[in-house]
Amino acid sequence: MAENNDNNNAQNPDPDVTGQEKDDYDNAGAVTRRRFLTITFAGGAVLGMGALLAPLARYAYPIIKPEVYEKVLVATRIQLAPLNEGVRFDYQEIPAQLIQLEDGEYAAYSLVCTHLGCIVKWEVRNADFHCPCHAGKFNPQGEVISGPPPRPLTKLKTSVEGENIFVEGIEPEEK
């Protein structure tokens, strides 16, 4: 029995280290199947949580970009000389209409209905905007006269320089 103990000491120079501990000590840098799966699942869980939390962080801390509006020549005073006539144009890919009001001022509105996004039409004979989808009507000031639209048409900023009429940006909504 003494020989067996001497034999173990020859293979294992440190008598305090057992066989299992020796294997763990020898394989400390090696990746076992268990360690590989643990790292893989933990990494997948971290990536999954990041994918779930990223939209929440984006919602909580939005990136606010200043809106830059281009100044666009829409028409001349001569083009709008007949009262109630209008000029249809696209402003930053949004269909819009420029009209001359009864007091001589110019107004431009987005033609996107505030109900469901249909394109409204300027009706010269009635001097109003009509939405063909659900019979919504807006007066020349863009306010709702009838139908389901919940708010007025979006008003665009207009300016007159000499004979030219420009549009530059969106008027802030009045509350």
N, C-alpha and C. Protein backbone atom coordinates (compact mmCIF):
# COMPACT_ATOMS: atom_id res chain seq x y z
N MET A 1 0.81 -1.17 0.00
CA MET A 1 0.00 0.00 0.00
C MET A 1 0.86 1.24 0.00
N ALA A 2 1.99 1.11 0.65
CA ALA A 2 2.93 2.22 0.67
C ALA A 2 3.49 2.45 -0.71
N GLU A 3 3.67 1.37 -1.47
CA GLU A 3 4.18 1.53 -2.82
C GLU A 3 3.15 2.26 -3.69
N ASN A 4 1.85 1.98 -3.51
CA ASN A 4 0.78 2.62 -4.28
C ASN A 4 0.75 4.11 -3.99
N ASN A 5 0.94 4.48 -2.73
CA ASN A 5 0.95 5.87 -2.34
C ASN A 5 2.16 6.57 -2.93
N ASP A 6 3.32 5.86 -2.94
CA ASP A 6 4.52 6.43 -3.54
C ASP A 6 4.33 6.61 -5.04
N ASN A 7 3.63 5.67 -5.65
CA ASN A 7 3.37 5.73 -7.09
C ASN A 7 2.50 6.95 -7.42
N ASN A 8 1.47 7.24 -6.62
CA ASN A 8 0.62 8.41 -6.83
C ASN A 8 1.41 9.69 -6.67
N ASN A 9 2.34 9.70 -5.70
CA ASN A 9 3.15 10.89 -5.48
C ASN A 9 4.08 11.14 -6.65
N ALA A 10 4.50 10.08 -7.33
CA ALA A 10 5.38 10.25 -8.48
C ALA A 10 4.63 10.89 -9.64
N GLN A 11 3.36 10.52 -9.80
CA GLN A 11 2.57 11.10 -10.89
C GLN A 11 2.06 12.49 -10.52
N ASN A 12 1.74 12.69 -9.28
CA ASN A 12 1.17 13.95 -8.81
C ASN A 12 2.12 14.54 -7.78
N PRO A 13 2.97 15.46 -8.16
CA PRO A 13 3.97 15.97 -7.23
C PRO A 13 3.34 16.73 -6.06
N ASP A 14 2.15 17.29 -6.21
CA ASP A 14 1.50 18.02 -5.11
C ASP A 14 0.47 17.12 -4.47
N PRO A 15 0.71 16.61 -3.26
CA PRO A 15 -0.21 15.66 -2.65
C PRO A 15 -1.56 16.29 -2.28
N ASP A 16 -1.67 17.63 -2.23
CA ASP A 16 -2.94 18.28 -1.87
C ASP A 16 -3.89 18.39 -3.06
N VAL A 17 -3.45 18.17 -4.27
CA VAL A 17 -4.28 18.30 -5.47
C VAL A 17 -4.84 16.93 -5.81
N THR A 18 -6.16 16.83 -5.88
CA THR A 18 -6.79 15.55 -6.22
C THR A 18 -6.79 15.37 -7.73
N GLY A 19 -7.26 14.24 -8.19
CA GLY A 19 -7.28 13.94 -9.63
C GLY A 19 -8.17 14.89 -10.42
N GLN A 20 -9.41 15.17 -9.91
CA GLN A 20 -10.32 16.08 -10.60
C GLN A 20 -9.76 17.49 -10.65
N GLU A 21 -9.20 17.95 -9.55
CA GLU A 21 -8.62 19.29 -9.52
C GLU A 21 -7.45 19.39 -10.48
N LYS A 22 -6.66 18.30 -10.59
CA LYS A 22 -5.54 18.29 -11.52
C LYS A 22 -6.03 18.44 -12.94
N ASP A 23 -7.12 17.73 -13.30
CA ASP A 23 -7.68 17.84 -14.65
C ASP A 23 -8.16 19.26 -14.92
N ASP A 24 -8.85 19.85 -13.92
CA ASP A 24 -9.32 21.23 -14.08
C ASP A 24 -8.15 22.19 -14.21
N TYR A 25 -7.09 21.94 -13.44
CA TYR A 25 -5.91 22.80 -13.47
C TYR A 25 -5.20 22.68 -14.82
N ASP A 26 -5.09 21.48 -15.34
CA ASP A 26 -4.43 21.27 -16.62
C ASP A 26 -5.24 21.83 -17.78
N ASN A 27 -6.59 21.81 -17.67
CA ASN A 27 -7.47 22.27 -18.76
C ASN A 27 -8.02 23.67 -18.50
N ALA A 28 -7.38 24.49 -17.70
CA ALA A 28 -7.89 25.81 -17.34
C ALA A 28 -8.09 26.69 -18.57
N GLY A 29 -7.23 26.61 -19.57
CA GLY A 29 -7.36 27.45 -20.76
C GLY A 29 -8.18 26.81 -21.86
N ALA A 30 -8.50 25.54 -21.75
CA ALA A 30 -9.23 24.84 -22.79
C ALA A 30 -10.72 25.16 -22.71
N VAL A 31 -11.39 25.16 -23.87
CA VAL A 31 -12.82 25.42 -23.93
C VAL A 31 -13.53 24.07 -24.01
N THR A 32 -14.27 23.76 -22.96
CA THR A 32 -15.03 22.51 -22.94
C THR A 32 -16.37 22.75 -23.62
N ARG A 33 -17.09 21.69 -23.87
CA ARG A 33 -18.41 21.80 -24.48
C ARG A 33 -19.33 22.62 -23.59
N ARG A 34 -19.28 22.37 -22.29
CA ARG A 34 -20.13 23.10 -21.35
C ARG A 34 -19.81 24.59 -21.36
N ARG A 35 -18.51 24.92 -21.35
CA ARG A 35 -18.11 26.32 -21.36
C ARG A 35 -18.50 26.99 -22.67
N PHE A 36 -18.34 26.31 -23.79
CA PHE A 36 -18.71 26.84 -25.10
C PHE A 36 -20.21 27.16 -25.15
N LEU A 37 -21.04 26.21 -24.70
CA LEU A 37 -22.48 26.42 -24.72
C LEU A 37 -22.89 27.55 -23.77
N THR A 38 -22.26 27.63 -22.63
CA THR A 38 -22.56 28.72 -21.68
C THR A 38 -22.25 30.07 -22.31
N ILE A 39 -21.08 30.18 -22.90
CA ILE A 39 -20.70 31.45 -23.54
C ILE A 39 -21.62 31.77 -24.71
N THR A 40 -21.97 30.79 -25.50
CA THR A 40 -22.84 31.00 -26.67
C THR A 40 -24.22 31.47 -26.24
N PHE A 41 -24.82 30.77 -25.26
CA PHE A 41 -26.16 31.16 -24.81
C PHE A 41 -26.15 32.51 -24.10
N ALA A 42 -25.13 32.78 -23.31
CA ALA A 42 -25.03 34.07 -22.64
C ALA A 42 -24.87 35.20 -23.66
N GLY A 43 -24.04 34.98 -24.68
CA GLY A 43 -23.87 35.99 -25.73
C GLY A 43 -25.16 36.23 -26.49
N GLY A 44 -25.88 35.15 -26.79
CA GLY A 44 -27.17 35.29 -27.48
C GLY A 44 -28.19 36.03 -26.64
N ALA A 45 -28.19 35.77 -25.34
CA ALA A 45 -29.11 36.47 -24.44
C ALA A 45 -28.79 37.96 -24.38
N VAL A 46 -27.51 38.30 -24.33
CA VAL A 46 -27.10 39.71 -24.30
C VAL A 46 -27.51 40.40 -25.60
N LEU A 47 -27.27 39.76 -26.73
CA LEU A 47 -27.66 40.35 -28.01
C LEU A 47 -29.18 40.50 -28.11
N GLY A 48 -29.91 39.50 -27.65
CA GLY A 48 -31.37 39.56 -27.67
C GLY A 48 -31.91 40.70 -26.82
N MET A 49 -31.35 40.86 -25.63
CA MET A 49 -31.78 41.96 -24.76
C MET A 49 -31.44 43.31 -25.38
N GLY A 50 -30.29 43.38 -26.03
CA GLY A 50 -29.92 44.63 -26.71
C GLY A 50 -30.89 44.95 -27.83
N ALA A 51 -31.31 43.93 -28.57
CA ALA A 51 -32.26 44.14 -29.66
C ALA A 51 -33.61 44.59 -29.12
N LEU A 52 -33.98 44.13 -27.94
CA LEU A 52 -35.25 44.55 -27.35
C LEU A 52 -35.16 45.95 -26.73
N LEU A 53 -34.04 46.27 -26.15
CA LEU A 53 -33.90 47.55 -25.45
C LEU A 53 -33.53 48.72 -26.36
N ALA A 54 -32.93 48.44 -27.51
CA ALA A 54 -32.52 49.52 -28.41
C ALA A 54 -33.70 50.39 -28.86
N PRO A 55 -34.83 49.81 -29.31
CA PRO A 55 -35.96 50.67 -29.69
C PRO A 55 -36.53 51.47 -28.51
N LEU A 56 -36.49 50.87 -27.33
CA LEU A 56 -36.98 51.60 -26.16
C LEU A 56 -36.08 52.79 -25.85
N ALA A 57 -34.79 52.59 -25.97
CA ALA A 57 -33.85 53.69 -25.73
C ALA A 57 -34.03 54.77 -26.80
N ARG A 58 -34.25 54.36 -28.03
CA ARG A 58 -34.47 55.32 -29.12
C ARG A 58 -35.74 56.13 -28.89
N TYR A 59 -36.76 55.47 -28.35
CA TYR A 59 -38.02 56.16 -28.05
C TYR A 59 -37.83 57.14 -26.89
N ALA A 60 -37.13 56.69 -25.86
CA ALA A 60 -36.93 57.53 -24.67
C ALA A 60 -36.01 58.72 -24.95
N TYR A 61 -35.03 58.53 -25.81
CA TYR A 61 -34.06 59.58 -26.13
C TYR A 61 -34.00 59.78 -27.64
N PRO A 62 -35.02 60.41 -28.23
CA PRO A 62 -35.04 60.56 -29.68
C PRO A 62 -33.98 61.54 -30.18
N ILE A 63 -33.58 61.34 -31.40
CA ILE A 63 -32.64 62.26 -32.05
C ILE A 63 -33.48 63.35 -32.69
N ILE A 64 -33.32 64.55 -32.21
CA ILE A 64 -34.11 65.66 -32.71
C ILE A 64 -33.29 66.40 -33.76
N LYS A 65 -33.80 66.37 -34.97
CA LYS A 65 -33.14 67.06 -36.07
C LYS A 65 -33.94 68.31 -36.41
N PRO A 66 -33.27 69.41 -36.60
CA PRO A 66 -34.02 70.61 -37.01
C PRO A 66 -34.54 70.42 -38.44
N GLU A 67 -35.78 70.84 -38.63
CA GLU A 67 -36.38 70.73 -39.96
C GLU A 67 -35.83 71.85 -40.84
N VAL A 68 -35.35 71.49 -41.97
CA VAL A 68 -34.83 72.47 -42.91
C VAL A 68 -35.79 72.53 -44.09
N TYR A 69 -36.32 73.71 -44.31
CA TYR A 69 -37.28 73.89 -45.40
C TYR A 69 -36.64 74.71 -46.50
N GLU A 70 -36.92 74.30 -47.68
CA GLU A 70 -36.39 74.97 -48.85
C GLU A 70 -37.35 76.08 -49.27
N LYS A 71 -36.79 77.21 -49.68
CA LYS A 71 -37.61 78.30 -50.20
C LYS A 71 -37.82 78.05 -51.68
N VAL A 72 -39.09 77.93 -52.07
CA VAL A 72 -39.43 77.54 -53.43
C VAL A 72 -40.33 78.60 -54.07
N LEU A 73 -39.96 78.99 -55.28
CA LEU A 73 -40.81 79.88 -56.07
C LEU A 73 -41.98 79.07 -56.58
N VAL A 74 -43.20 79.49 -56.22
CA VAL A 74 -44.39 78.74 -56.60
C VAL A 74 -45.10 79.37 -57.78
N ALA A 75 -45.27 80.67 -57.74
CA ALA A 75 -46.03 81.34 -58.80
C ALA A 75 -45.71 82.82 -58.78
N THR A 76 -46.29 83.52 -59.74
CA THR A 76 -46.22 84.98 -59.77
C THR A 76 -47.61 85.52 -59.50
N ARG A 77 -47.69 86.78 -59.17
CA ARG A 77 -49.00 87.40 -58.90
C ARG A 77 -49.91 87.32 -60.13
N ILE A 78 -49.32 87.40 -61.30
CA ILE A 78 -50.11 87.35 -62.54
C ILE A 78 -50.80 85.99 -62.70
N GLN A 79 -50.12 84.93 -62.30
CA GLN A 79 -50.71 83.60 -62.41
C GLN A 79 -51.93 83.43 -61.50
N LEU A 80 -51.98 84.20 -60.41
CA LEU A 80 -53.11 84.10 -59.48
C LEU A 80 -54.06 85.27 -59.60
N ALA A 81 -53.99 86.04 -60.68
CA ALA A 81 -54.83 87.22 -60.84
C ALA A 81 -56.32 86.90 -60.81
N PRO A 82 -56.81 85.88 -61.52
CA PRO A 82 -58.25 85.60 -61.39
C PRO A 82 -58.55 85.07 -59.98
N LEU A 83 -59.49 85.73 -59.28
CA LEU A 83 -59.84 85.32 -57.93
C LEU A 83 -60.35 83.88 -57.93
N ASN A 84 -60.02 83.14 -56.93
CA ASN A 84 -60.39 81.74 -56.73
C ASN A 84 -59.57 80.76 -57.55
N GLU A 85 -58.78 81.24 -58.50
CA GLU A 85 -57.91 80.32 -59.22
C GLU A 85 -56.76 79.97 -58.29
N GLY A 86 -56.16 78.87 -58.53
CA GLY A 86 -55.05 78.46 -57.68
C GLY A 86 -53.95 77.83 -58.50
N VAL A 87 -52.81 77.62 -57.88
CA VAL A 87 -51.69 76.96 -58.52
C VAL A 87 -51.36 75.73 -57.68
N ARG A 88 -51.42 74.59 -58.33
CA ARG A 88 -51.08 73.33 -57.65
C ARG A 88 -49.58 73.10 -57.82
N PHE A 89 -48.91 72.66 -56.75
CA PHE A 89 -47.47 72.41 -56.81
C PHE A 89 -47.12 71.35 -55.77
N ASP A 90 -45.92 70.84 -55.85
CA ASP A 90 -45.42 69.89 -54.86
C ASP A 90 -44.35 70.60 -54.04
N TYR A 91 -44.51 70.56 -52.71
CA TYR A 91 -43.52 71.14 -51.82
C TYR A 91 -42.92 70.02 -50.99
N GLN A 92 -41.65 69.73 -51.21
CA GLN A 92 -40.93 68.65 -50.55
C GLN A 92 -41.74 67.35 -50.64
N GLU A 93 -42.14 67.03 -51.84
CA GLU A 93 -42.87 65.81 -52.19
C GLU A 93 -44.26 65.74 -51.58
N ILE A 94 -44.81 66.87 -51.16
CA ILE A 94 -46.18 66.93 -50.63
C ILE A 94 -47.01 67.77 -51.60
N PRO A 95 -48.12 67.22 -52.10
CA PRO A 95 -48.96 68.03 -52.99
C PRO A 95 -49.55 69.22 -52.22
N ALA A 96 -49.54 70.38 -52.86
CA ALA A 96 -50.01 71.60 -52.19
C ALA A 96 -50.72 72.49 -53.19
N GLN A 97 -51.45 73.49 -52.67
CA GLN A 97 -52.21 74.42 -53.50
C GLN A 97 -51.98 75.83 -52.97
N LEU A 98 -51.69 76.74 -53.88
CA LEU A 98 -51.55 78.16 -53.55
C LEU A 98 -52.77 78.87 -54.08
N ILE A 99 -53.45 79.64 -53.22
CA ILE A 99 -54.65 80.39 -53.64
C ILE A 99 -54.54 81.83 -53.16
N GLN A 100 -55.33 82.69 -53.80
CA GLN A 100 -55.43 84.07 -53.35
C GLN A 100 -56.76 84.21 -52.61
N LEU A 101 -56.68 84.69 -51.39
CA LEU A 101 -57.89 84.85 -50.58
C LEU A 101 -58.62 86.12 -50.98
N GLU A 102 -59.86 86.29 -50.51
CA GLU A 102 -60.69 87.45 -50.87
C GLU A 102 -60.07 88.77 -50.45
N ASP A 103 -59.28 88.75 -49.35
CA ASP A 103 -58.65 89.99 -48.89
C ASP A 103 -57.36 90.31 -49.64
N GLY A 104 -57.01 89.50 -50.64
CA GLY A 104 -55.84 89.75 -51.46
C GLY A 104 -54.58 89.03 -50.97
N GLU A 105 -54.63 88.45 -49.80
CA GLU A 105 -53.49 87.70 -49.27
C GLU A 105 -53.37 86.36 -49.99
N TYR A 106 -52.19 85.78 -49.91
CA TYR A 106 -51.95 84.47 -50.52
C TYR A 106 -51.82 83.42 -49.42
N ALA A 107 -52.35 82.25 -49.69
CA ALA A 107 -52.28 81.15 -48.72
C ALA A 107 -51.96 79.87 -49.47
N ALA A 108 -51.13 79.06 -48.86
CA ALA A 108 -50.77 77.76 -49.44
C ALA A 108 -51.06 76.68 -48.41
N TYR A 109 -51.64 75.58 -48.88
CA TYR A 109 -52.02 74.48 -48.00
C TYR A 109 -51.55 73.15 -48.58
N SER A 110 -51.23 72.24 -47.68
CA SER A 110 -50.99 70.87 -48.09
C SER A 110 -52.33 70.29 -48.54
N LEU A 111 -52.32 69.51 -49.60
CA LEU A 111 -53.56 68.91 -50.09
C LEU A 111 -53.82 67.53 -49.47
N VAL A 112 -53.08 67.18 -48.44
CA VAL A 112 -53.28 65.90 -47.77
C VAL A 112 -54.37 66.08 -46.70
N CYS A 113 -55.48 65.35 -46.86
CA CYS A 113 -56.60 65.46 -45.93
C CYS A 113 -56.17 65.00 -44.55
N THR A 114 -56.63 65.71 -43.53
CA THR A 114 -56.25 65.38 -42.16
C THR A 114 -57.07 64.23 -41.59
N HIS A 115 -57.97 63.68 -42.38
CA HIS A 115 -58.77 62.54 -41.91
C HIS A 115 -58.02 61.24 -42.15
N LEU A 116 -57.86 60.85 -43.41
CA LEU A 116 -57.18 59.59 -43.72
C LEU A 116 -56.08 59.75 -44.77
N GLY A 117 -55.70 60.97 -45.07
CA GLY A 117 -54.57 61.19 -45.97
C GLY A 117 -54.91 61.19 -47.45
N CYS A 118 -56.17 61.28 -47.81
CA CYS A 118 -56.53 61.39 -49.22
C CYS A 118 -56.07 62.76 -49.73
N ILE A 119 -56.03 62.92 -51.04
CA ILE A 119 -55.63 64.20 -51.64
C ILE A 119 -56.90 65.01 -51.93
N VAL A 120 -56.98 66.18 -51.31
CA VAL A 120 -58.14 67.05 -51.52
C VAL A 120 -57.96 67.84 -52.81
N LYS A 121 -59.06 68.35 -53.33
CA LYS A 121 -59.05 69.13 -54.57
C LYS A 121 -59.59 70.53 -54.28
N TRP A 122 -58.97 71.53 -54.90
CA TRP A 122 -59.47 72.90 -54.81
C TRP A 122 -60.56 73.05 -55.85
N GLU A 123 -61.77 73.40 -55.40
CA GLU A 123 -62.90 73.59 -56.31
C GLU A 123 -63.11 75.08 -56.51
N VAL A 124 -62.84 75.52 -57.72
CA VAL A 124 -62.88 76.95 -58.04
C VAL A 124 -64.31 77.49 -57.89
N ARG A 125 -65.30 76.77 -58.42
CA ARG A 125 -66.67 77.30 -58.42
C ARG A 125 -67.25 77.42 -57.00
N ASN A 126 -66.84 76.56 -56.08
CA ASN A 126 -67.34 76.63 -54.70
C ASN A 126 -66.37 77.36 -53.77
N ALA A 127 -65.18 77.63 -54.25
CA ALA A 127 -64.13 78.28 -53.46
C ALA A 127 -63.89 77.52 -52.16
N ASP A 128 -63.71 76.19 -52.28
CA ASP A 128 -63.36 75.38 -51.11
C ASP A 128 -62.56 74.16 -51.53
N PHE A 129 -61.99 73.50 -50.54
CA PHE A 129 -61.25 72.26 -50.76
C PHE A 129 -62.21 71.10 -50.48
N HIS A 130 -62.23 70.13 -51.36
CA HIS A 130 -63.13 68.98 -51.21
C HIS A 130 -62.33 67.69 -51.18
N CYS A 131 -62.61 66.84 -50.19
CA CYS A 131 -61.96 65.53 -50.10
C CYS A 131 -62.91 64.51 -50.72
N PRO A 132 -62.48 63.84 -51.80
CA PRO A 132 -63.37 62.90 -52.48
C PRO A 132 -63.58 61.59 -51.71
N CYS A 133 -62.73 61.28 -50.74
CA CYS A 133 -62.85 60.00 -50.03
C CYS A 133 -64.05 59.94 -49.10
N HIS A 134 -64.23 60.97 -48.26
CA HIS A 134 -65.30 60.93 -47.27
C HIS A 134 -66.07 62.26 -47.21
N ALA A 135 -66.05 62.99 -48.31
CA ALA A 135 -66.83 64.23 -48.46
C ALA A 135 -66.47 65.30 -47.43
N GLY A 136 -65.22 65.36 -47.04
CA GLY A 136 -64.78 66.43 -46.16
C GLY A 136 -64.63 67.71 -46.95
N LYS A 137 -64.94 68.84 -46.32
CA LYS A 137 -64.81 70.14 -46.98
C LYS A 137 -64.05 71.09 -46.07
N PHE A 138 -63.20 71.91 -46.71
CA PHE A 138 -62.40 72.91 -46.01
C PHE A 138 -62.63 74.25 -46.69
N ASN A 139 -62.72 75.33 -45.91
CA ASN A 139 -62.88 76.67 -46.50
C ASN A 139 -61.54 77.17 -47.03
N PRO A 140 -61.50 78.35 -47.66
CA PRO A 140 -60.23 78.86 -48.21
C PRO A 140 -59.16 79.13 -47.15
N GLN A 141 -59.53 79.21 -45.88
CA GLN A 141 -58.55 79.37 -44.80
C GLN A 141 -58.05 78.01 -44.30
N GLY A 142 -58.52 76.92 -44.93
CA GLY A 142 -58.07 75.58 -44.57
C GLY A 142 -58.83 74.96 -43.41
N GLU A 143 -59.83 75.66 -42.87
CA GLU A 143 -60.60 75.16 -41.73
C GLU A 143 -61.68 74.18 -42.20
N VAL A 144 -62.00 73.22 -41.34
CA VAL A 144 -63.00 72.21 -41.67
C VAL A 144 -64.38 72.84 -41.66
N ILE A 145 -65.13 72.65 -42.78
CA ILE A 145 -66.52 73.12 -42.84
C ILE A 145 -67.48 71.96 -42.57
N SER A 146 -67.17 70.80 -43.15
CA SER A 146 -68.03 69.63 -42.94
C SER A 146 -67.23 68.36 -43.16
N GLY A 147 -67.81 67.26 -42.71
CA GLY A 147 -67.19 65.97 -42.91
C GLY A 147 -66.36 65.52 -41.72
N PRO A 148 -65.67 64.41 -41.87
CA PRO A 148 -64.97 63.80 -40.73
C PRO A 148 -63.56 64.32 -40.41
N PRO A 149 -62.93 65.20 -41.23
CA PRO A 149 -61.56 65.60 -40.88
C PRO A 149 -61.50 66.21 -39.48
N PRO A 150 -60.52 65.79 -38.66
CA PRO A 150 -60.44 66.25 -37.28
C PRO A 150 -59.78 67.62 -37.09
N ARG A 151 -59.02 68.09 -38.07
CA ARG A 151 -58.32 69.37 -37.92
C ARG A 151 -58.15 70.02 -39.30
N PRO A 152 -57.77 71.29 -39.32
CA PRO A 152 -57.62 72.00 -40.59
C PRO A 152 -56.46 71.46 -41.43
N LEU A 153 -56.44 71.88 -42.69
CA LEU A 153 -55.34 71.52 -43.57
C LEU A 153 -54.04 72.16 -43.05
N THR A 154 -52.93 71.53 -43.35
CA THR A 154 -51.63 72.06 -42.93
C THR A 154 -51.31 73.28 -43.79
N LYS A 155 -51.06 74.40 -43.12
CA LYS A 155 -50.77 75.65 -43.83
C LYS A 155 -49.27 75.79 -44.03
N LEU A 156 -48.89 76.24 -45.21
CA LEU A 156 -47.49 76.48 -45.54
C LEU A 156 -47.19 77.98 -45.44
N LYS A 157 -45.97 78.33 -45.07
CA LYS A 157 -45.57 79.73 -44.96
C LYS A 157 -45.38 80.30 -46.37
N THR A 158 -45.99 81.44 -46.62
CA THR A 158 -45.83 82.09 -47.92
C THR A 158 -45.17 83.45 -47.71
N SER A 159 -44.46 83.89 -48.74
CA SER A 159 -43.88 85.23 -48.73
C SER A 159 -43.92 85.77 -50.15
N VAL A 160 -44.07 87.08 -50.25
CA VAL A 160 -44.13 87.73 -51.55
C VAL A 160 -42.93 88.65 -51.67
N GLU A 161 -42.18 88.48 -52.77
CA GLU A 161 -41.04 89.34 -53.06
C GLU A 161 -41.23 89.86 -54.47
N GLY A 162 -41.61 91.13 -54.55
CA GLY A 162 -41.90 91.71 -55.86
C GLY A 162 -43.14 91.05 -56.43
N GLU A 163 -43.02 90.46 -57.61
CA GLU A 163 -44.15 89.76 -58.24
C GLU A 163 -44.15 88.26 -57.95
N ASN A 164 -43.12 87.77 -57.27
CA ASN A 164 -42.99 86.33 -57.03
C ASN A 164 -43.56 85.93 -55.67
N ILE A 165 -44.18 84.76 -55.66
CA ILE A 165 -44.74 84.20 -54.42
C ILE A 165 -43.94 82.94 -54.08
N PHE A 166 -43.40 82.92 -52.87
CA PHE A 166 -42.56 81.81 -52.42
C PHE A 166 -43.25 81.05 -51.29
N VAL A 167 -42.87 79.79 -51.15
CA VAL A 167 -43.28 78.97 -50.01
C VAL A 167 -42.01 78.50 -49.33
N GLU A 168 -42.00 78.63 -47.98
CA GLU A 168 -40.83 78.21 -47.22
C GLU A 168 -41.29 77.68 -45.86
N GLY A 169 -41.50 76.41 -45.77
CA GLY A 169 -41.81 75.78 -44.50
C GLY A 169 -43.28 75.66 -44.19
N ILE A 170 -43.53 75.15 -43.01
CA ILE A 170 -44.89 74.89 -42.54
C ILE A 170 -45.20 75.84 -41.39
N GLU A 171 -46.39 76.42 -41.44
CA GLU A 171 -46.84 77.30 -40.36
C GLU A 171 -47.06 76.46 -39.10
N PRO A 172 -46.65 76.94 -37.94
CA PRO A 172 -46.96 76.20 -36.71
C PRO A 172 -48.46 76.18 -36.47
N GLU A 173 -48.95 75.05 -35.93
CA GLU A 173 -50.39 74.92 -35.66
C GLU A 173 -50.79 75.82 -34.51
N GLU A 174 -51.95 76.46 -34.65
CA GLU A 174 -52.48 77.29 -33.57
C GLU A 174 -53.26 76.40 -32.62
N LYS A 175 -53.12 76.67 -31.33
CA LYS A 175 -53.80 75.84 -30.34
C LYS A 175 -54.85 76.61 -29.62
